[in-house]
Amino acid sequence: MIARFPSIHRRAVRSRRGMVLFEVIIALTIFTLVAFSLVMALNSAFEAAEDRDYSDQAVRGIQNQMALLNGAPVVPGDRDAPDDGSGIQYHLSISVAQMQDQKMQPVPNLLSATITATWQAHGQSEQRSISELIYQP
């Protein structure tokens, strides 16, 4: 049997081929956008984890510095703590605490110690502080 309208059939096949190519390009574009979004989300998650690690390391260092402070005689004043090799700078600020007892008498030998940790993260300066009262008889 001879096909009656071969030119119409050829045009439909060519049109369909063009439509499939267009659909593939759209699908690849959507896939690329989704993949790029996932990479950006993963990068943000890694940066947040790195920031949390620095913060945790700074707090542990502050606690270590405070433990060293509690184990030795404390003298009022400001000074930098020795470097612990982490890249975090620690600053100690010790002052006489102005507190009163129930009889409104000043409490002797009571000191206020504040340790501040400072570090650089993503080009910005970050810091954490811990304060504690220390009694030395």
C-alpha atoms as a PDB file:
ATOM      1  CA  MET A   1       0.000   0.000   0.000  1.00  0.00           C
ATOM      2  CA  ILE A   2       1.322   3.474  -0.820  1.00  0.00           C
ATOM      3  CA  ALA A   3       1.287   6.217   1.803  1.00  0.00           C
ATOM      4  CA  ARG A   4      -1.095   8.974   0.787  1.00  0.00           C
ATOM      5  CA  PHE A   5       0.434  11.931   2.607  1.00  0.00           C
ATOM      6  CA  PRO A   6       4.154  11.283   3.096  1.00  0.00           C
ATOM      7  CA  SER A   7       5.120  14.975   3.394  1.00  0.00           C
ATOM      8  CA  ILE A   8       2.698  15.567   6.317  1.00  0.00           C
ATOM      9  CA  HIS A   9       4.074  12.519   8.138  1.00  0.00           C
ATOM     10  CA  ARG A  10       7.682  13.760   7.729  1.00  0.00           C
ATOM     11  CA  ARG A  11       6.811  17.205   9.095  1.00  0.00           C
ATOM     12  CA  ALA A  12       5.167  15.677  12.171  1.00  0.00           C
ATOM     13  CA  VAL A  13       8.239  13.527  12.888  1.00  0.00           C
ATOM     14  CA  ARG A  14      10.583  16.551  12.506  1.00  0.00           C
ATOM     15  CA  SER A  15       8.345  18.635  14.766  1.00  0.00           C
ATOM     16  CA  ARG A  16       8.315  15.886  17.376  1.00  0.00           C
ATOM     17  CA  ARG A  17      12.129  15.604  17.241  1.00  0.00           C
ATOM     18  CA  GLY A  18      12.447  19.330  17.898  1.00  0.00           C
ATOM     19  CA  MET A  19      10.026  19.052  20.818  1.00  0.00           C
ATOM     20  CA  VAL A  20      12.008  16.196  22.385  1.00  0.00           C
ATOM     21  CA  LEU A  21      15.232  18.225  22.107  1.00  0.00           C
ATOM     22  CA  PHE A  22      13.511  21.215  23.732  1.00  0.00           C
ATOM     23  CA  GLU A  23      12.203  18.981  26.561  1.00  0.00           C
ATOM     24  CA  VAL A  24      15.695  17.581  27.154  1.00  0.00           C
ATOM     25  CA  ILE A  25      17.177  21.094  27.339  1.00  0.00           C
ATOM     26  CA  ILE A  26      14.501  22.177  29.841  1.00  0.00           C
ATOM     27  CA  ALA A  27      15.090  19.040  31.940  1.00  0.00           C
ATOM     28  CA  LEU A  28      18.876  19.629  31.975  1.00  0.00           C
ATOM     29  CA  THR A  29      18.338  23.253  32.989  1.00  0.00           C
ATOM     30  CA  ILE A  30      16.107  22.224  35.896  1.00  0.00           C
ATOM     31  CA  PHE A  31      18.590  19.526  36.943  1.00  0.00           C
ATOM     32  CA  THR A  32      21.449  22.057  36.850  1.00  0.00           C
ATOM     33  CA  LEU A  33      19.523  24.545  39.009  1.00  0.00           C
ATOM     34  CA  VAL A  34      18.645  21.868  41.573  1.00  0.00           C
ATOM     35  CA  ALA A  35      22.235  20.568  41.663  1.00  0.00           C
ATOM     36  CA  PHE A  36      23.593  24.120  42.083  1.00  0.00           C
ATOM     37  CA  SER A  37      21.134  24.770  44.931  1.00  0.00           C
ATOM     38  CA  LEU A  38      22.206  21.569  46.685  1.00  0.00           C
ATOM     39  CA  VAL A  39      25.891  22.506  46.353  1.00  0.00           C
ATOM     40  CA  MET A  40      25.188  25.947  47.838  1.00  0.00           C
ATOM     41  CA  ALA A  41      23.225  24.392  50.725  1.00  0.00           C
ATOM     42  CA  LEU A  42      26.048  21.925  51.382  1.00  0.00           C
ATOM     43  CA  ASN A  43      28.605  24.759  51.388  1.00  0.00           C
ATOM     44  CA  SER A  44      26.498  26.701  53.906  1.00  0.00           C
ATOM     45  CA  ALA A  45      26.234  23.616  56.109  1.00  0.00           C
ATOM     46  CA  PHE A  46      30.028  23.150  56.060  1.00  0.00           C
ATOM     47  CA  GLU A  47      30.588  26.817  56.966  1.00  0.00           C
ATOM     48  CA  ALA A  48      28.096  26.576  59.852  1.00  0.00           C
ATOM     49  CA  ALA A  49      29.828  23.428  61.123  1.00  0.00           C
ATOM     50  CA  GLU A  50      33.208  25.171  60.930  1.00  0.00           C
ATOM     51  CA  ASP A  51      31.848  28.175  62.866  1.00  0.00           C
ATOM     52  CA  ARG A  52      30.403  25.861  65.507  1.00  0.00           C
ATOM     53  CA  ASP A  53      33.730  24.033  65.820  1.00  0.00           C
ATOM     54  CA  TYR A  54      35.618  27.308  66.363  1.00  0.00           C
ATOM     55  CA  SER A  55      33.065  28.409  68.947  1.00  0.00           C
ATOM     56  CA  ASP A  56      33.280  25.066  70.779  1.00  0.00           C
ATOM     57  CA  GLN A  57      37.072  25.175  70.702  1.00  0.00           C
ATOM     58  CA  ALA A  58      37.041  28.722  72.104  1.00  0.00           C
ATOM     59  CA  VAL A  59      34.668  27.785  74.940  1.00  0.00           C
ATOM     60  CA  ARG A  60      36.815  24.753  75.843  1.00  0.00           C
ATOM     61  CA  GLY A  61      39.903  26.976  75.816  1.00  0.00           C
ATOM     62  CA  ILE A  62      38.167  29.512  78.068  1.00  0.00           C
ATOM     63  CA  GLN A  63      37.207  26.732  80.475  1.00  0.00           C
ATOM     64  CA  ASN A  64      40.833  25.515  80.490  1.00  0.00           C
ATOM     65  CA  GLN A  65      42.073  29.043  81.181  1.00  0.00           C
ATOM     66  CA  MET A  66      39.527  29.390  84.003  1.00  0.00           C
ATOM     67  CA  ALA A  67      40.686  26.074  85.518  1.00  0.00           C
ATOM     68  CA  LEU A  68      44.298  27.329  85.425  1.00  0.00           C
ATOM     69  CA  LEU A  69      43.144  30.563  87.049  1.00  0.00           C
ATOM     70  CA  ASN A  70      41.372  28.730  89.897  1.00  0.00           C
ATOM     71  CA  GLY A  71      44.467  26.667  90.645  1.00  0.00           C
ATOM     72  CA  ALA A  72      46.853  29.571  91.232  1.00  0.00           C
ATOM     73  CA  PRO A  73      46.919  32.798  93.238  1.00  0.00           C
ATOM     74  CA  VAL A  74      45.056  35.509  91.352  1.00  0.00           C
ATOM     75  CA  VAL A  75      46.209  39.113  91.103  1.00  0.00           C
ATOM     76  CA  PRO A  76      43.881  41.854  89.808  1.00  0.00           C
ATOM     77  CA  GLY A  77      44.774  43.295  86.400  1.00  0.00           C
ATOM     78  CA  ASP A  78      44.459  42.782  82.636  1.00  0.00           C
ATOM     79  CA  ARG A  79      46.724  40.507  80.664  1.00  0.00           C
ATOM     80  CA  ASP A  80      46.792  38.187  77.683  1.00  0.00           C
ATOM     81  CA  ALA A  81      46.867  34.465  78.386  1.00  0.00           C
ATOM     82  CA  PRO A  82      49.638  32.366  76.840  1.00  0.00           C
ATOM     83  CA  ASP A  83      48.947  31.038  73.341  1.00  0.00           C
ATOM     84  CA  ASP A  84      47.669  27.473  73.299  1.00  0.00           C
ATOM     85  CA  GLY A  85      48.485  26.884  69.615  1.00  0.00           C
ATOM     86  CA  SER A  86      44.872  27.034  68.410  1.00  0.00           C
ATOM     87  CA  GLY A  87      45.030  30.504  66.843  1.00  0.00           C
ATOM     88  CA  ILE A  88      42.596  31.817  69.447  1.00  0.00           C
ATOM     89  CA  GLN A  89      43.740  34.727  71.606  1.00  0.00           C
ATOM     90  CA  TYR A  90      42.654  34.776  75.248  1.00  0.00           C
ATOM     91  CA  HIS A  91      42.478  37.914  77.390  1.00  0.00           C
ATOM     92  CA  LEU A  92      42.152  37.808  81.188  1.00  0.00           C
ATOM     93  CA  SER A  93      40.556  40.664  83.078  1.00  0.00           C
ATOM     94  CA  ILE A  94      40.616  40.330  86.876  1.00  0.00           C
ATOM     95  CA  SER A  95      39.171  42.941  89.206  1.00  0.00           C
ATOM     96  CA  VAL A  96      38.114  43.190  92.814  1.00  0.00           C
ATOM     97  CA  ALA A  97      34.409  42.379  93.099  1.00  0.00           C
ATOM     98  CA  GLN A  98      32.412  45.030  94.910  1.00  0.00           C
ATOM     99  CA  MET A  99      29.908  42.820  96.719  1.00  0.00           C
ATOM    100  CA  GLN A 100      28.383  43.108 100.163  1.00  0.00           C
ATOM    101  CA  ASP A 101      27.219  40.510 102.635  1.00  0.00           C
ATOM    102  CA  GLN A 102      23.905  40.486 104.519  1.00  0.00           C
ATOM    103  CA  LYS A 103      25.206  43.059 106.982  1.00  0.00           C
ATOM    104  CA  MET A 104      26.126  45.377 104.082  1.00  0.00           C
ATOM    105  CA  GLN A 105      29.833  44.845 104.752  1.00  0.00           C
ATOM    106  CA  PRO A 106      32.184  44.432 101.768  1.00  0.00           C
ATOM    107  CA  VAL A 107      33.213  40.841 101.082  1.00  0.00           C
ATOM    108  CA  PRO A 108      37.029  40.666 101.240  1.00  0.00           C
ATOM    109  CA  ASN A 109      39.163  38.610  98.843  1.00  0.00           C
ATOM    110  CA  LEU A 110      36.408  38.268  96.234  1.00  0.00           C
ATOM    111  CA  LEU A 111      37.588  38.733  92.660  1.00  0.00           C
ATOM    112  CA  SER A 112      35.731  38.869  89.353  1.00  0.00           C
ATOM    113  CA  ALA A 113      37.545  37.125  86.482  1.00  0.00           C
ATOM    114  CA  THR A 114      36.505  37.514  82.851  1.00  0.00           C
ATOM    115  CA  ILE A 115      38.207  35.550  80.089  1.00  0.00           C
ATOM    116  CA  THR A 116      37.551  36.604  76.503  1.00  0.00           C
ATOM    117  CA  ALA A 117      38.470  34.477  73.486  1.00  0.00           C
ATOM    118  CA  THR A 118      38.910  36.197  70.109  1.00  0.00           C
ATOM    119  CA  TRP A 119      39.443  34.527  66.731  1.00  0.00           C
ATOM    120  CA  GLN A 120      38.980  35.147  63.002  1.00  0.00           C
ATOM    121  CA  ALA A 121      36.286  33.248  61.075  1.00  0.00           C
ATOM    122  CA  HIS A 122      35.462  33.980  57.425  1.00  0.00           C
ATOM    123  CA  GLY A 123      37.198  37.353  57.596  1.00  0.00           C
ATOM    124  CA  GLN A 124      35.275  38.518  60.663  1.00  0.00           C
ATOM    125  CA  SER A 125      36.379  38.769  64.260  1.00  0.00           C
ATOM    126  CA  GLU A 126      34.401  36.548  66.643  1.00  0.00           C
ATOM    127  CA  GLN A 127      34.586  36.431  70.421  1.00  0.00           C
ATOM    128  CA  ARG A 128      33.130  34.681  73.456  1.00  0.00           C
ATOM    129  CA  SER A 129      33.474  35.565  77.149  1.00  0.00           C
ATOM    130  CA  ILE A 130      32.978  33.821  80.461  1.00  0.00           C
ATOM    131  CA  SER A 131      32.930  35.573  83.844  1.00  0.00           C
ATOM    132  CA  GLU A 132      33.315  33.971  87.248  1.00  0.00           C
ATOM    133  CA  LEU A 133      33.672  35.072  90.851  1.00  0.00           C
ATOM    134  CA  ILE A 134      36.747  33.744  92.642  1.00  0.00           C
ATOM    135  CA  TYR A 135      37.166  33.775  96.401  1.00  0.00           C
ATOM    136  CA  GLN A 136      40.708  33.561  97.711  1.00  0.00           C
ATOM    137  CA  PRO A 137      41.011  33.343 101.505  1.00  0.00           C
END
